[in-house]
């Protein structure tokens, strides 16, 4: 019993200490994506998945400040994927 407990601790320690830093960064990105998705959903009053500048001003002011940079196709709206891509590039 003591040997199996020691093996479990060894494996756990190995996983914790040898986890690549990029994996930790990816989990942070995932948390950021979730936060963006939640805020986007609240700001997108029409619920159509298309955030207008007016909606961004009311619910996501930092996105509104960068709206023209995010709306690269100049459609007059942005999607959550575009916001996440911009956030990832920062």
PDB file of N, CA and C in Angstrom:
ATOM      1  N   UNK A   1       0.821  -1.196   0.000  1.00  0.00           N
ATOM      2  CA  UNK A   1       0.000   0.000   0.000  1.00  0.00           C
ATOM      3  C   UNK A   1       0.864   1.258   0.000  1.00  0.00           C
ATOM      4  N   UNK A   2       1.923   1.265   0.792  1.00  0.00           N
ATOM      5  CA  UNK A   2       2.790   2.434   0.862  1.00  0.00           C
ATOM      6  C   UNK A   2       3.522   2.662  -0.452  1.00  0.00           C
ATOM      7  N   UNK A   3       3.878   1.603  -1.145  1.00  0.00           N
ATOM      8  CA  UNK A   3       4.583   1.741  -2.419  1.00  0.00           C
ATOM      9  C   UNK A   3       3.667   2.350  -3.466  1.00  0.00           C
ATOM     10  N   UNK A   4       2.409   1.937  -3.515  1.00  0.00           N
ATOM     11  CA  UNK A   4       1.494   2.497  -4.509  1.00  0.00           C
ATOM     12  C   UNK A   4       1.214   3.971  -4.217  1.00  0.00           C
ATOM     13  N   UNK A   5       1.144   4.340  -2.959  1.00  0.00           N
ATOM     14  CA  UNK A   5       0.955   5.741  -2.599  1.00  0.00           C
ATOM     15  C   UNK A   5       2.164   6.558  -3.020  1.00  0.00           C
ATOM     16  N   UNK A   6       3.348   6.022  -2.788  1.00  0.00           N
ATOM     17  CA  UNK A   6       4.572   6.702  -3.200  1.00  0.00           C
ATOM     18  C   UNK A   6       4.629   6.848  -4.717  1.00  0.00           C
ATOM     19  N   UNK A   7       4.198   5.836  -5.438  1.00  0.00           N
ATOM     20  CA  UNK A   7       4.186   5.901  -6.907  1.00  0.00           C
ATOM     21  C   UNK A   7       3.203   6.960  -7.382  1.00  0.00           C
ATOM     22  N   UNK A   8       2.035   7.026  -6.740  1.00  0.00           N
ATOM     23  CA  UNK A   8       1.044   8.034  -7.121  1.00  0.00           C
ATOM     24  C   UNK A   8       1.591   9.440  -6.888  1.00  0.00           C
ATOM     25  N   UNK A   9       2.250   9.642  -5.761  1.00  0.00           N
ATOM     26  CA  UNK A   9       2.839  10.952  -5.481  1.00  0.00           C
ATOM     27  C   UNK A   9       3.927  11.303  -6.480  1.00  0.00           C
ATOM     28  N   UNK A  10       4.717  10.311  -6.854  1.00  0.00           N
ATOM     29  CA  UNK A  10       5.786  10.529  -7.825  1.00  0.00           C
ATOM     30  C   UNK A  10       5.210  10.922  -9.183  1.00  0.00           C
ATOM     31  N   UNK A  11       4.188  10.226  -9.605  1.00  0.00           N
ATOM     32  CA  UNK A  11       3.543  10.533 -10.886  1.00  0.00           C
ATOM     33  C   UNK A  11       2.916  11.922 -10.838  1.00  0.00           C
ATOM     34  N   UNK A  12       2.221  12.228  -9.766  1.00  0.00           N
ATOM     35  CA  UNK A  12       1.592  13.544  -9.626  1.00  0.00           C
ATOM     36  C   UNK A  12       2.640  14.651  -9.655  1.00  0.00           C
ATOM     37  N   UNK A  13       3.707  14.458  -8.912  1.00  0.00           N
ATOM     38  CA  UNK A  13       4.777  15.459  -8.893  1.00  0.00           C
ATOM     39  C   UNK A  13       5.391  15.633 -10.274  1.00  0.00           C
ATOM     40  N   UNK A  14       5.569  14.531 -10.992  1.00  0.00           N
ATOM     41  CA  UNK A  14       6.137  14.607 -12.339  1.00  0.00           C
ATOM     42  C   UNK A  14       5.242  15.416 -13.263  1.00  0.00           C
ATOM     43  N   UNK A  15       3.955  15.179 -13.175  1.00  0.00           N
ATOM     44  CA  UNK A  15       3.016  15.900 -14.028  1.00  0.00           C
ATOM     45  C   UNK A  15       3.049  17.390 -13.702  1.00  0.00           C
ATOM     46  N   UNK A  16       3.040  17.713 -12.416  1.00  0.00           N
ATOM     47  CA  UNK A  16       3.023  19.116 -12.003  1.00  0.00           C
ATOM     48  C   UNK A  16       4.309  19.830 -12.411  1.00  0.00           C
ATOM     49  N   UNK A  17       5.447  19.212 -12.158  1.00  0.00           N
ATOM     50  CA  UNK A  17       6.716  19.878 -12.398  1.00  0.00           C
ATOM     51  C   UNK A  17       7.171  19.844 -13.849  1.00  0.00           C
ATOM     52  N   UNK A  18       6.671  18.924 -14.622  1.00  0.00           N
ATOM     53  CA  UNK A  18       7.134  18.806 -15.999  1.00  0.00           C
ATOM     54  C   UNK A  18       6.083  19.208 -17.024  1.00  0.00           C
ATOM     55  N   UNK A  19       4.996  19.808 -16.582  1.00  0.00           N
ATOM     56  CA  UNK A  19       3.989  20.302 -17.509  1.00  0.00           C
ATOM     57  C   UNK A  19       4.597  21.454 -18.290  1.00  0.00           C
ATOM     58  N   UNK A  20       4.562  21.388 -19.607  1.00  0.00           N
ATOM     59  CA  UNK A  20       5.138  22.470 -20.411  1.00  0.00           C
ATOM     60  C   UNK A  20       4.436  23.800 -20.142  1.00  0.00           C
ATOM     61  N   UNK A  21       5.199  24.864 -20.193  1.00  0.00           N
ATOM     62  CA  UNK A  21       4.631  26.182 -19.955  1.00  0.00           C
ATOM     63  C   UNK A  21       3.564  26.536 -20.969  1.00  0.00           C
ATOM     64  N   UNK A  22       3.710  26.055 -22.210  1.00  0.00           N
ATOM     65  CA  UNK A  22       2.696  26.391 -23.218  1.00  0.00           C
ATOM     66  C   UNK A  22       1.346  25.784 -22.857  1.00  0.00           C
ATOM     67  N   UNK A  23       1.341  24.657 -22.148  1.00  0.00           N
ATOM     68  CA  UNK A  23       0.082  24.077 -21.694  1.00  0.00           C
ATOM     69  C   UNK A  23      -0.589  24.979 -20.680  1.00  0.00           C
ATOM     70  N   UNK A  24       0.203  25.554 -19.796  1.00  0.00           N
ATOM     71  CA  UNK A  24      -0.350  26.489 -18.827  1.00  0.00           C
ATOM     72  C   UNK A  24      -0.883  27.730 -19.527  1.00  0.00           C
ATOM     73  N   UNK A  25      -0.177  28.189 -20.528  1.00  0.00           N
ATOM     74  CA  UNK A  25      -0.633  29.357 -21.280  1.00  0.00           C
ATOM     75  C   UNK A  25      -1.924  29.047 -22.014  1.00  0.00           C
ATOM     76  N   UNK A  26      -2.058  27.835 -22.538  1.00  0.00           N
ATOM     77  CA  UNK A  26      -3.275  27.459 -23.241  1.00  0.00           C
ATOM     78  C   UNK A  26      -4.467  27.464 -22.294  1.00  0.00           C
ATOM     79  N   UNK A  27      -4.278  27.008 -21.047  1.00  0.00           N
ATOM     80  CA  UNK A  27      -5.389  27.012 -20.103  1.00  0.00           C
ATOM     81  C   UNK A  27      -5.797  28.444 -19.781  1.00  0.00           C
ATOM     82  N   UNK A  28      -4.826  29.369 -19.730  1.00  0.00           N
ATOM     83  CA  UNK A  28      -5.142  30.774 -19.534  1.00  0.00           C
ATOM     84  C   UNK A  28      -5.947  31.300 -20.717  1.00  0.00           C
ATOM     85  N   UNK A  29      -5.526  30.921 -21.926  1.00  0.00           N
ATOM     86  CA  UNK A  29      -6.261  31.334 -23.117  1.00  0.00           C
ATOM     87  C   UNK A  29      -7.690  30.834 -23.107  1.00  0.00           C
ATOM     88  N   UNK A  30      -7.870  29.634 -22.611  1.00  0.00           N
ATOM     89  CA  UNK A  30      -9.211  29.069 -22.524  1.00  0.00           C
ATOM     90  C   UNK A  30     -10.059  29.889 -21.563  1.00  0.00           C
ATOM     91  N   UNK A  31      -9.510  30.265 -20.429  1.00  0.00           N
ATOM     92  CA  UNK A  31     -10.245  31.088 -19.468  1.00  0.00           C
ATOM     93  C   UNK A  31     -10.578  32.445 -20.084  1.00  0.00           C
ATOM     94  N   UNK A  32      -9.638  32.998 -20.835  1.00  0.00           N
ATOM     95  CA  UNK A  32      -9.881  34.264 -21.510  1.00  0.00           C
ATOM     96  C   UNK A  32     -10.984  34.114 -22.547  1.00  0.00           C
ATOM     97  N   UNK A  33     -10.950  33.026 -23.291  1.00  0.00           N
ATOM     98  CA  UNK A  33     -11.994  32.777 -24.290  1.00  0.00           C
ATOM     99  C   UNK A  33     -13.371  32.698 -23.638  1.00  0.00           C
ATOM    100  N   UNK A  34     -13.456  32.016 -22.516  1.00  0.00           N
ATOM    101  CA  UNK A  34     -14.734  31.886 -21.808  1.00  0.00           C
ATOM    102  C   UNK A  34     -15.229  33.252 -21.357  1.00  0.00           C
ATOM    103  N   UNK A  35     -14.321  34.066 -20.805  1.00  0.00           N
ATOM    104  CA  UNK A  35     -14.705  35.398 -20.362  1.00  0.00           C
ATOM    105  C   UNK A  35     -15.203  36.247 -21.537  1.00  0.00           C
ATOM    106  N   UNK A  36     -14.488  36.176 -22.656  1.00  0.00           N
ATOM    107  CA  UNK A  36     -14.896  36.934 -23.841  1.00  0.00           C
ATOM    108  C   UNK A  36     -16.269  36.463 -24.322  1.00  0.00           C
ATOM    109  N   UNK A  37     -16.464  35.163 -24.383  1.00  0.00           N
ATOM    110  CA  UNK A  37     -17.750  34.621 -24.834  1.00  0.00           C
ATOM    111  C   UNK A  37     -18.900  35.080 -23.943  1.00  0.00           C
ATOM    112  N   UNK A  38     -18.675  35.070 -22.628  1.00  0.00           N
ATOM    113  CA  UNK A  38     -19.725  35.493 -21.698  1.00  0.00           C
ATOM    114  C   UNK A  38     -20.045  36.974 -21.863  1.00  0.00           C
ATOM    115  N   UNK A  39     -19.008  37.807 -21.944  1.00  0.00           N
ATOM    116  CA  UNK A  39     -19.236  39.245 -22.095  1.00  0.00           C
ATOM    117  C   UNK A  39     -19.859  39.569 -23.450  1.00  0.00           C
ATOM    118  N   UNK A  40     -19.428  38.851 -24.489  1.00  0.00           N
ATOM    119  CA  UNK A  40     -19.982  39.055 -25.821  1.00  0.00           C
ATOM    120  C   UNK A  40     -21.478  38.730 -25.818  1.00  0.00           C
ATOM    121  N   UNK A  41     -21.835  37.621 -25.187  1.00  0.00           N
ATOM    122  CA  UNK A  41     -23.237  37.195 -25.147  1.00  0.00           C
ATOM    123  C   UNK A  41     -24.118  38.243 -24.469  1.00  0.00           C
ATOM    124  N   UNK A  42     -23.622  38.831 -23.386  1.00  0.00           N
ATOM    125  CA  UNK A  42     -24.381  39.866 -22.686  1.00  0.00           C
ATOM    126  C   UNK A  42     -24.475  41.136 -23.530  1.00  0.00           C
ATOM    127  N   UNK A  43     -23.388  41.522 -24.163  1.00  0.00           N
ATOM    128  CA  UNK A  43     -23.356  42.756 -24.962  1.00  0.00           C
ATOM    129  C   UNK A  43     -24.177  42.636 -26.240  1.00  0.00           C
ATOM    130  N   UNK A  44     -24.272  41.443 -26.793  1.00  0.00           N
ATOM    131  CA  UNK A  44     -24.976  41.211 -28.057  1.00  0.00           C
ATOM    132  C   UNK A  44     -26.486  41.142 -27.804  1.00  0.00           C
ATOM    133  N   UNK A  45     -27.082  42.314 -27.657  1.00  0.00           N
ATOM    134  CA  UNK A  45     -28.493  42.422 -27.264  1.00  0.00           C
ATOM    135  C   UNK A  45     -29.452  41.712 -28.217  1.00  0.00           C
ATOM    136  N   UNK A  46     -29.150  41.714 -29.500  1.00  0.00           N
ATOM    137  CA  UNK A  46     -30.019  41.038 -30.472  1.00  0.00           C
ATOM    138  C   UNK A  46     -29.863  39.524 -30.412  1.00  0.00           C
ATOM    139  N   UNK A  47     -28.738  39.066 -29.871  1.00  0.00           N
ATOM    140  CA  UNK A  47     -28.493  37.630 -29.776  1.00  0.00           C
ATOM    141  C   UNK A  47     -28.227  36.976 -31.117  1.00  0.00           C
ATOM    142  N   UNK A  48     -27.780  37.776 -32.077  1.00  0.00           N
ATOM    143  CA  UNK A  48     -27.561  37.245 -33.425  1.00  0.00           C
ATOM    144  C   UNK A  48     -26.103  36.862 -33.702  1.00  0.00           C
ATOM    145  N   UNK A  49     -25.247  37.012 -32.680  1.00  0.00           N
ATOM    146  CA  UNK A  49     -23.837  36.668 -32.863  1.00  0.00           C
ATOM    147  C   UNK A  49     -23.046  37.731 -33.607  1.00  0.00           C
ATOM    148  N   UNK A  50     -23.671  38.880 -33.839  1.00  0.00           N
ATOM    149  CA  UNK A  50     -23.031  39.985 -34.549  1.00  0.00           C
ATOM    150  C   UNK A  50     -23.058  41.211 -33.646  1.00  0.00           C
ATOM    151  N   UNK A  51     -21.893  41.571 -33.115  1.00  0.00           N
ATOM    152  CA  UNK A  51     -21.809  42.705 -32.208  1.00  0.00           C
ATOM    153  C   UNK A  51     -21.573  43.976 -33.008  1.00  0.00           C
ATOM    154  N   UNK A  52     -22.496  44.918 -32.899  1.00  0.00           N
ATOM    155  CA  UNK A  52     -22.347  46.201 -33.581  1.00  0.00           C
ATOM    156  C   UNK A  52     -21.503  47.135 -32.722  1.00  0.00           C
ATOM    157  N   UNK A  53     -21.080  48.236 -33.306  1.00  0.00           N
ATOM    158  CA  UNK A  53     -20.303  49.215 -32.567  1.00  0.00           C
ATOM    159  C   UNK A  53     -21.106  49.755 -31.383  1.00  0.00           C
ATOM    160  N   UNK A  54     -22.384  50.004 -31.586  1.00  0.00           N
ATOM    161  CA  UNK A  54     -23.227  50.518 -30.514  1.00  0.00           C
ATOM    162  C   UNK A  54     -23.322  49.513 -29.366  1.00  0.00           C
ATOM    163  N   UNK A  55     -23.490  48.238 -29.690  1.00  0.00           N
ATOM    164  CA  UNK A  55     -23.544  47.200 -28.656  1.00  0.00           C
ATOM    165  C   UNK A  55     -22.207  47.090 -27.933  1.00  0.00           C
ATOM    166  N   UNK A  56     -21.116  47.209 -28.687  1.00  0.00           N
ATOM    167  CA  UNK A  56     -19.788  47.136 -28.084  1.00  0.00           C
ATOM    168  C   UNK A  56     -19.562  48.316 -27.140  1.00  0.00           C
ATOM    169  N   UNK A  57     -19.988  49.501 -27.551  1.00  0.00           N
ATOM    170  CA  UNK A  57     -19.831  50.678 -26.681  1.00  0.00           C
ATOM    171  C   UNK A  57     -20.565  50.483 -25.360  1.00  0.00           C
ATOM    172  N   UNK A  58     -21.725  49.877 -25.420  1.00  0.00           N
ATOM    173  CA  UNK A  58     -22.538  49.697 -24.223  1.00  0.00           C
ATOM    174  C   UNK A  58     -22.039  48.548 -23.331  1.00  0.00           C
ATOM    175  N   UNK A  59     -21.485  47.502 -23.944  1.00  0.00           N
ATOM    176  CA  UNK A  59     -21.158  46.327 -23.149  1.00  0.00           C
ATOM    177  C   UNK A  59     -19.711  45.891 -23.118  1.00  0.00           C
ATOM    178  N   UNK A  60     -18.925  46.332 -24.093  1.00  0.00           N
ATOM    179  CA  UNK A  60     -17.516  45.928 -24.172  1.00  0.00           C
ATOM    180  C   UNK A  60     -16.696  47.134 -24.646  1.00  0.00           C
ATOM    181  N   UNK A  61     -16.491  48.116 -23.767  1.00  0.00           N
ATOM    182  CA  UNK A  61     -15.844  49.368 -24.199  1.00  0.00           C
ATOM    183  C   UNK A  61     -14.444  49.201 -24.791  1.00  0.00           C
ATOM    184  N   UNK A  62     -13.658  48.257 -24.300  1.00  0.00           N
ATOM    185  CA  UNK A  62     -12.321  48.054 -24.878  1.00  0.00           C
ATOM    186  C   UNK A  62     -12.431  47.504 -26.295  1.00  0.00           C
ATOM    187  N   UNK A  63     -13.419  46.668 -26.515  1.00  0.00           N
ATOM    188  CA  UNK A  63     -13.664  46.151 -27.867  1.00  0.00           C
ATOM    189  C   UNK A  63     -14.128  47.296 -28.758  1.00  0.00           C
ATOM    190  N   UNK A  64     -14.992  48.140 -28.229  1.00  0.00           N
ATOM    191  CA  UNK A  64     -15.484  49.288 -29.002  1.00  0.00           C
ATOM    192  C   UNK A  64     -14.337  50.196 -29.425  1.00  0.00           C
ATOM    193  N   UNK A  65     -13.375  50.392 -28.530  1.00  0.00           N
ATOM    194  CA  UNK A  65     -12.233  51.254 -28.833  1.00  0.00           C
ATOM    195  C   UNK A  65     -11.372  50.684 -29.956  1.00  0.00           C
ATOM    196  N   UNK A  66     -11.448  49.379 -30.151  1.00  0.00           N
ATOM    197  CA  UNK A  66     -10.654  48.715 -31.200  1.00  0.00           C
ATOM    198  C   UNK A  66     -11.526  48.139 -32.306  1.00  0.00           C
ATOM    199  N   UNK A  67     -12.765  48.592 -32.371  1.00  0.00           N
ATOM    200  CA  UNK A  67     -13.744  48.012 -33.289  1.00  0.00           C
ATOM    201  C   UNK A  67     -13.260  48.008 -34.736  1.00  0.00           C
ATOM    202  N   UNK A  68     -12.718  49.114 -35.198  1.00  0.00           N
ATOM    203  CA  UNK A  68     -12.267  49.200 -36.598  1.00  0.00           C
ATOM    204  C   UNK A  68     -11.127  48.230 -36.885  1.00  0.00           C
ATOM    205  N   UNK A  69     -10.257  48.003 -35.900  1.00  0.00           N
ATOM    206  CA  UNK A  69      -9.163  47.041 -36.086  1.00  0.00           C
ATOM    207  C   UNK A  69      -9.689  45.614 -36.129  1.00  0.00           C
ATOM    208  N   UNK A  70     -10.745  45.337 -35.371  1.00  0.00           N
ATOM    209  CA  UNK A  70     -11.303  43.982 -35.314  1.00  0.00           C
ATOM    210  C   UNK A  70     -12.163  43.710 -36.539  1.00  0.00           C
ATOM    211  N   UNK A  71     -12.929  44.697 -36.966  1.00  0.00           N
ATOM    212  CA  UNK A  71     -13.818  44.554 -38.129  1.00  0.00           C
ATOM    213  C   UNK A  71     -13.017  44.741 -39.420  1.00  0.00           C
ATOM    214  N   UNK A  72     -12.159  43.780 -39.692  1.00  0.00           N
ATOM    215  CA  UNK A  72     -11.255  43.890 -40.839  1.00  0.00           C
ATOM    216  C   UNK A  72     -11.988  43.856 -42.180  1.00  0.00           C
ATOM    217  N   UNK A  73     -13.164  43.250 -42.204  1.00  0.00           N
ATOM    218  CA  UNK A  73     -13.920  43.170 -43.457  1.00  0.00           C
ATOM    219  C   UNK A  73     -14.895  44.336 -43.610  1.00  0.00           C
ATOM    220  N   UNK A  74     -14.910  45.222 -42.628  1.00  0.00           N
ATOM    221  CA  UNK A  74     -15.760  46.429 -42.649  1.00  0.00           C
ATOM    222  C   UNK A  74     -17.225  46.102 -42.902  1.00  0.00           C
ATOM    223  N   UNK A  75     -17.728  45.126 -42.137  1.00  0.00           N
ATOM    224  CA  UNK A  75     -19.126  44.703 -42.271  1.00  0.00           C
ATOM    225  C   UNK A  75     -20.061  45.460 -41.338  1.00  0.00           C
ATOM    226  N   UNK A  76     -19.484  46.185 -40.376  1.00  0.00           N
ATOM    227  CA  UNK A  76     -20.316  46.923 -39.430  1.00  0.00           C
ATOM    228  C   UNK A  76     -20.653  46.113 -38.185  1.00  0.00           C
ATOM    229  N   UNK A  77     -20.106  44.930 -38.086  1.00  0.00           N
ATOM    230  CA  UNK A  77     -20.284  44.100 -36.904  1.00  0.00           C
ATOM    231  C   UNK A  77     -19.073  43.182 -36.775  1.00  0.00           C
ATOM    232  N   UNK A  78     -18.907  42.646 -35.580  1.00  0.00           N
ATOM    233  CA  UNK A  78     -17.827  41.695 -35.334  1.00  0.00           C
ATOM    234  C   UNK A  78     -18.398  40.462 -34.646  1.00  0.00           C
ATOM    235  N   UNK A  79     -17.668  39.368 -34.770  1.00  0.00           N
ATOM    236  CA  UNK A  79     -18.100  38.114 -34.144  1.00  0.00           C
ATOM    237  C   UNK A  79     -17.222  37.826 -32.927  1.00  0.00           C
ATOM    238  N   UNK A  80     -17.683  36.905 -32.117  1.00  0.00           N
ATOM    239  CA  UNK A  80     -16.920  36.530 -30.926  1.00  0.00           C
ATOM    240  C   UNK A  80     -15.569  35.939 -31.331  1.00  0.00           C
ATOM    241  N   UNK A  81     -15.514  35.228 -32.441  1.00  0.00           N
ATOM    242  CA  UNK A  81     -14.256  34.659 -32.901  1.00  0.00           C
ATOM    243  C   UNK A  81     -13.252  35.743 -33.264  1.00  0.00           C
ATOM    244  N   UNK A  82     -13.734  36.826 -33.843  1.00  0.00           N
ATOM    245  CA  UNK A  82     -12.850  37.945 -34.168  1.00  0.00           C
ATOM    246  C   UNK A  82     -12.311  38.608 -32.908  1.00  0.00           C
ATOM    247  N   UNK A  83     -13.153  38.738 -31.900  1.00  0.00           N
ATOM    248  CA  UNK A  83     -12.718  39.344 -30.640  1.00  0.00           C
ATOM    249  C   UNK A  83     -11.679  38.443 -29.977  1.00  0.00           C
ATOM    250  N   UNK A  84     -11.913  37.138 -29.976  1.00  0.00           N
ATOM    251  CA  UNK A  84     -10.967  36.205 -29.368  1.00  0.00           C
ATOM    252  C   UNK A  84      -9.643  36.222 -30.127  1.00  0.00           C
ATOM    253  N   UNK A  85      -9.699  36.304 -31.437  1.00  0.00           N
ATOM    254  CA  UNK A  85      -8.461  36.356 -32.231  1.00  0.00           C
ATOM    255  C   UNK A  85      -7.669  37.618 -31.918  1.00  0.00           C
ATOM    256  N   UNK A  86      -8.349  38.733 -31.774  1.00  0.00           N
ATOM    257  CA  UNK A  86      -7.661  39.980 -31.449  1.00  0.00           C
ATOM    258  C   UNK A  86      -7.040  39.889 -30.061  1.00  0.00           C
ATOM    259  N   UNK A  87      -7.769  39.332 -29.118  1.00  0.00           N
ATOM    260  CA  UNK A  87      -7.256  39.196 -27.746  1.00  0.00           C
ATOM    261  C   UNK A  87      -6.036  38.284 -27.715  1.00  0.00           C
ATOM    262  N   UNK A  88      -6.063  37.238 -28.504  1.00  0.00           N
ATOM    263  CA  UNK A  88      -4.945  36.292 -28.546  1.00  0.00           C
ATOM    264  C   UNK A  88      -3.701  36.922 -29.157  1.00  0.00           C
ATOM    265  N   UNK A  89      -3.895  37.886 -30.037  1.00  0.00           N
ATOM    266  CA  UNK A  89      -2.755  38.515 -30.703  1.00  0.00           C
ATOM    267  C   UNK A  89      -2.096  39.589 -29.850  1.00  0.00           C
ATOM    268  N   UNK A  90      -2.729  39.961 -28.761  1.00  0.00           N
ATOM    269  CA  UNK A  90      -2.193  41.021 -27.880  1.00  0.00           C
ATOM    270  C   UNK A  90      -1.108  40.503 -26.966  1.00  0.00           C
TER     271      UNK A  90
END
